Amino acid sequence: MTRLWLGLLGLLLLASCGGSESASITGDVVVVKMFDNRFEYTEIVIPVGGSVNFVGAGRNPHNAVAADGSWSTESVFGSLEQGDGDEALLTFESAGEYVFYCTLHGNAEGAGMAATLTVGGSEGE
């Protein structure tokens, strides 16, 4: 009987963890939390002139760096390590598509803690 209850509890925990996050977000100003060890969204779409506010939201430090080296949260935050509650607001004035990653928990090839930012997507350019 104990095994049955433990199994049901495990299924309940798995179900409660799965549906709370969204894979993508679109907007003029988007907030992206950096959890342990994932970005809140894996696909972000903003218009040219739009902004992304990267916010630390976990026990571990994080950052966001474009794989092509064109931008980084370090440029506005002043450090590659953002802690819980630390914010870095970046504004994007040119259209493009960027793979970005956390240098502490991902890589420039898009593995681990990584996502994609599209500037000037379907919302207009």
C-alpha atoms as a PDB file:
ATOM      1  CA  MET A   1       0.000   0.000   0.000  1.00  0.00           C
ATOM      2  CA  THR A   2       2.888   2.358   0.788  1.00  0.00           C
ATOM      3  CA  ARG A   3       4.318   1.811  -2.706  1.00  0.00           C
ATOM      4  CA  LEU A   4       0.979   2.726  -4.260  1.00  0.00           C
ATOM      5  CA  TRP A   5       0.812   6.001  -2.304  1.00  0.00           C
ATOM      6  CA  LEU A   6       4.421   6.860  -3.131  1.00  0.00           C
ATOM      7  CA  GLY A   7       3.749   6.176  -6.811  1.00  0.00           C
ATOM      8  CA  LEU A   8       0.653   8.388  -6.793  1.00  0.00           C
ATOM      9  CA  LEU A   9       2.548  11.133  -4.979  1.00  0.00           C
ATOM     10  CA  GLY A  10       5.325  10.956  -7.594  1.00  0.00           C
ATOM     11  CA  LEU A  11       2.811  11.270 -10.443  1.00  0.00           C
ATOM     12  CA  LEU A  12       1.153  14.219  -8.733  1.00  0.00           C
ATOM     13  CA  LEU A  13       4.500  15.987  -8.334  1.00  0.00           C
ATOM     14  CA  LEU A  14       5.386  15.415 -11.996  1.00  0.00           C
ATOM     15  CA  ALA A  15       2.025  16.741 -13.154  1.00  0.00           C
ATOM     16  CA  SER A  16       2.294  19.854 -11.007  1.00  0.00           C
ATOM     17  CA  CYS A  17       5.735  20.719 -12.431  1.00  0.00           C
ATOM     18  CA  GLY A  18       4.862  20.469 -16.105  1.00  0.00           C
ATOM     19  CA  GLY A  19       2.207  23.000 -16.989  1.00  0.00           C
ATOM     20  CA  SER A  20       3.282  26.233 -15.339  1.00  0.00           C
ATOM     21  CA  GLU A  21       5.781  27.506 -17.914  1.00  0.00           C
ATOM     22  CA  SER A  22       5.238  28.696 -21.436  1.00  0.00           C
ATOM     23  CA  ALA A  23       7.721  27.963 -24.196  1.00  0.00           C
ATOM     24  CA  SER A  24       7.361  31.372 -25.849  1.00  0.00           C
ATOM     25  CA  ILE A  25       6.438  34.990 -25.190  1.00  0.00           C
ATOM     26  CA  THR A  26       5.839  38.019 -27.404  1.00  0.00           C
ATOM     27  CA  GLY A  27       5.677  41.682 -26.435  1.00  0.00           C
ATOM     28  CA  ASP A  28       7.228  45.142 -26.537  1.00  0.00           C
ATOM     29  CA  VAL A  29       8.888  44.703 -23.132  1.00  0.00           C
ATOM     30  CA  VAL A  30       9.358  41.121 -22.005  1.00  0.00           C
ATOM     31  CA  VAL A  31      10.498  39.889 -18.581  1.00  0.00           C
ATOM     32  CA  VAL A  32      12.500  36.660 -18.668  1.00  0.00           C
ATOM     33  CA  LYS A  33      13.333  35.000 -15.360  1.00  0.00           C
ATOM     34  CA  MET A  34      16.540  33.005 -15.163  1.00  0.00           C
ATOM     35  CA  PHE A  35      15.757  29.976 -13.009  1.00  0.00           C
ATOM     36  CA  ASP A  36      18.004  27.120 -11.861  1.00  0.00           C
ATOM     37  CA  ASN A  37      19.111  26.287 -14.669  1.00  0.00           C
ATOM     38  CA  ARG A  38      16.761  27.399 -17.424  1.00  0.00           C
ATOM     39  CA  PHE A  39      15.290  30.510 -18.931  1.00  0.00           C
ATOM     40  CA  GLU A  40      11.583  31.041 -18.275  1.00  0.00           C
ATOM     41  CA  TYR A  41      10.957  31.127 -22.035  1.00  0.00           C
ATOM     42  CA  THR A  42      12.849  29.389 -24.835  1.00  0.00           C
ATOM     43  CA  GLU A  43      11.463  31.606 -27.619  1.00  0.00           C
ATOM     44  CA  ILE A  44      11.117  35.372 -27.259  1.00  0.00           C
ATOM     45  CA  VAL A  45       9.761  37.727 -29.941  1.00  0.00           C
ATOM     46  CA  ILE A  46       9.952  41.523 -29.647  1.00  0.00           C
ATOM     47  CA  PRO A  47       9.642  44.352 -32.175  1.00  0.00           C
ATOM     48  CA  VAL A  48      12.606  46.490 -33.193  1.00  0.00           C
ATOM     49  CA  GLY A  49      13.038  48.948 -30.300  1.00  0.00           C
ATOM     50  CA  GLY A  50      11.626  46.391 -27.855  1.00  0.00           C
ATOM     51  CA  SER A  51      13.305  45.320 -24.632  1.00  0.00           C
ATOM     52  CA  VAL A  52      14.022  42.187 -22.629  1.00  0.00           C
ATOM     53  CA  ASN A  53      14.486  42.412 -18.869  1.00  0.00           C
ATOM     54  CA  PHE A  54      16.534  39.424 -17.683  1.00  0.00           C
ATOM     55  CA  VAL A  55      15.854  38.771 -13.975  1.00  0.00           C
ATOM     56  CA  GLY A  56      17.737  36.392 -11.690  1.00  0.00           C
ATOM     57  CA  ALA A  57      15.246  34.036 -10.058  1.00  0.00           C
ATOM     58  CA  GLY A  58      17.113  31.170  -8.496  1.00  0.00           C
ATOM     59  CA  ARG A  59      19.762  30.056  -6.052  1.00  0.00           C
ATOM     60  CA  ASN A  60      22.480  30.036  -8.733  1.00  0.00           C
ATOM     61  CA  PRO A  61      23.930  33.060 -10.570  1.00  0.00           C
ATOM     62  CA  HIS A  62      23.004  33.406 -14.258  1.00  0.00           C
ATOM     63  CA  ASN A  63      23.461  35.635 -17.292  1.00  0.00           C
ATOM     64  CA  ALA A  64      22.344  35.930 -20.915  1.00  0.00           C
ATOM     65  CA  VAL A  65      24.895  36.238 -23.717  1.00  0.00           C
ATOM     66  CA  ALA A  66      24.280  36.218 -27.481  1.00  0.00           C
ATOM     67  CA  ALA A  67      26.042  33.275 -29.134  1.00  0.00           C
ATOM     68  CA  ASP A  68      27.430  35.643 -31.772  1.00  0.00           C
ATOM     69  CA  GLY A  69      28.816  37.962 -29.067  1.00  0.00           C
ATOM     70  CA  SER A  70      26.686  40.947 -30.117  1.00  0.00           C
ATOM     71  CA  TRP A  71      25.097  41.559 -26.691  1.00  0.00           C
ATOM     72  CA  SER A  72      25.260  40.433 -23.079  1.00  0.00           C
ATOM     73  CA  THR A  73      23.547  41.175 -19.778  1.00  0.00           C
ATOM     74  CA  GLU A  74      27.014  42.069 -18.494  1.00  0.00           C
ATOM     75  CA  SER A  75      26.963  45.244 -20.629  1.00  0.00           C
ATOM     76  CA  VAL A  76      24.098  46.720 -18.589  1.00  0.00           C
ATOM     77  CA  PHE A  77      24.392  44.848 -15.287  1.00  0.00           C
ATOM     78  CA  GLY A  78      28.155  45.165 -14.953  1.00  0.00           C
ATOM     79  CA  SER A  79      28.808  41.525 -14.095  1.00  0.00           C
ATOM     80  CA  LEU A  80      28.336  38.131 -15.704  1.00  0.00           C
ATOM     81  CA  GLU A  81      26.762  36.876 -12.477  1.00  0.00           C
ATOM     82  CA  GLN A  82      23.226  38.016 -11.708  1.00  0.00           C
ATOM     83  CA  GLY A  83      21.753  36.739  -8.467  1.00  0.00           C
ATOM     84  CA  ASP A  84      18.162  36.362  -7.321  1.00  0.00           C
ATOM     85  CA  GLY A  85      16.279  39.607  -8.035  1.00  0.00           C
ATOM     86  CA  ASP A  86      19.065  41.221 -10.094  1.00  0.00           C
ATOM     87  CA  GLU A  87      17.809  42.784 -13.341  1.00  0.00           C
ATOM     88  CA  ALA A  88      19.416  43.606 -16.697  1.00  0.00           C
ATOM     89  CA  LEU A  89      17.225  45.504 -19.200  1.00  0.00           C
ATOM     90  CA  LEU A  90      18.450  45.311 -22.810  1.00  0.00           C
ATOM     91  CA  THR A  91      16.833  47.228 -25.704  1.00  0.00           C
ATOM     92  CA  PHE A  92      17.256  45.988 -29.279  1.00  0.00           C
ATOM     93  CA  GLU A  93      17.297  48.553 -32.110  1.00  0.00           C
ATOM     94  CA  SER A  94      18.091  46.187 -35.022  1.00  0.00           C
ATOM     95  CA  ALA A  95      16.153  43.239 -36.423  1.00  0.00           C
ATOM     96  CA  GLY A  96      17.724  39.817 -36.078  1.00  0.00           C
ATOM     97  CA  GLU A  97      17.518  36.380 -34.583  1.00  0.00           C
ATOM     98  CA  TYR A  98      19.823  35.506 -31.711  1.00  0.00           C
ATOM     99  CA  VAL A  99      20.603  32.277 -29.926  1.00  0.00           C
ATOM    100  CA  PHE A 100      21.548  33.219 -26.379  1.00  0.00           C
ATOM    101  CA  TYR A 101      22.717  31.226 -23.415  1.00  0.00           C
ATOM    102  CA  CYS A 102      23.902  31.383 -19.823  1.00  0.00           C
ATOM    103  CA  THR A 103      27.694  31.071 -19.843  1.00  0.00           C
ATOM    104  CA  LEU A 104      27.505  29.222 -16.516  1.00  0.00           C
ATOM    105  CA  HIS A 105      24.899  26.602 -17.522  1.00  0.00           C
ATOM    106  CA  GLY A 106      24.742  26.422 -21.333  1.00  0.00           C
ATOM    107  CA  ASN A 107      26.779  26.941 -24.485  1.00  0.00           C
ATOM    108  CA  ALA A 108      26.818  28.959 -27.719  1.00  0.00           C
ATOM    109  CA  GLU A 109      25.572  25.955 -29.695  1.00  0.00           C
ATOM    110  CA  GLY A 110      22.236  26.212 -27.860  1.00  0.00           C
ATOM    111  CA  ALA A 111      22.665  23.319 -25.434  1.00  0.00           C
ATOM    112  CA  GLY A 112      21.785  23.531 -21.757  1.00  0.00           C
ATOM    113  CA  MET A 113      20.452  26.864 -20.549  1.00  0.00           C
ATOM    114  CA  ALA A 114      19.786  28.494 -23.932  1.00  0.00           C
ATOM    115  CA  ALA A 115      16.963  30.179 -25.866  1.00  0.00           C
ATOM    116  CA  THR A 116      16.193  32.219 -29.002  1.00  0.00           C
ATOM    117  CA  LEU A 117      15.367  35.933 -29.302  1.00  0.00           C
ATOM    118  CA  THR A 118      13.754  37.247 -32.484  1.00  0.00           C
ATOM    119  CA  VAL A 119      13.787  41.033 -32.892  1.00  0.00           C
ATOM    120  CA  GLY A 120      11.381  42.396 -35.507  1.00  0.00           C
ATOM    121  CA  GLY A 121       9.378  39.202 -35.780  1.00  0.00           C
ATOM    122  CA  SER A 122       5.786  38.850 -36.876  1.00  0.00           C
ATOM    123  CA  GLU A 123       4.715  41.874 -34.788  1.00  0.00           C
ATOM    124  CA  GLY A 124       6.291  44.196 -37.309  1.00  0.00           C
ATOM    125  CA  GLU A 125       9.713  45.613 -37.968  1.00  0.00           C
END
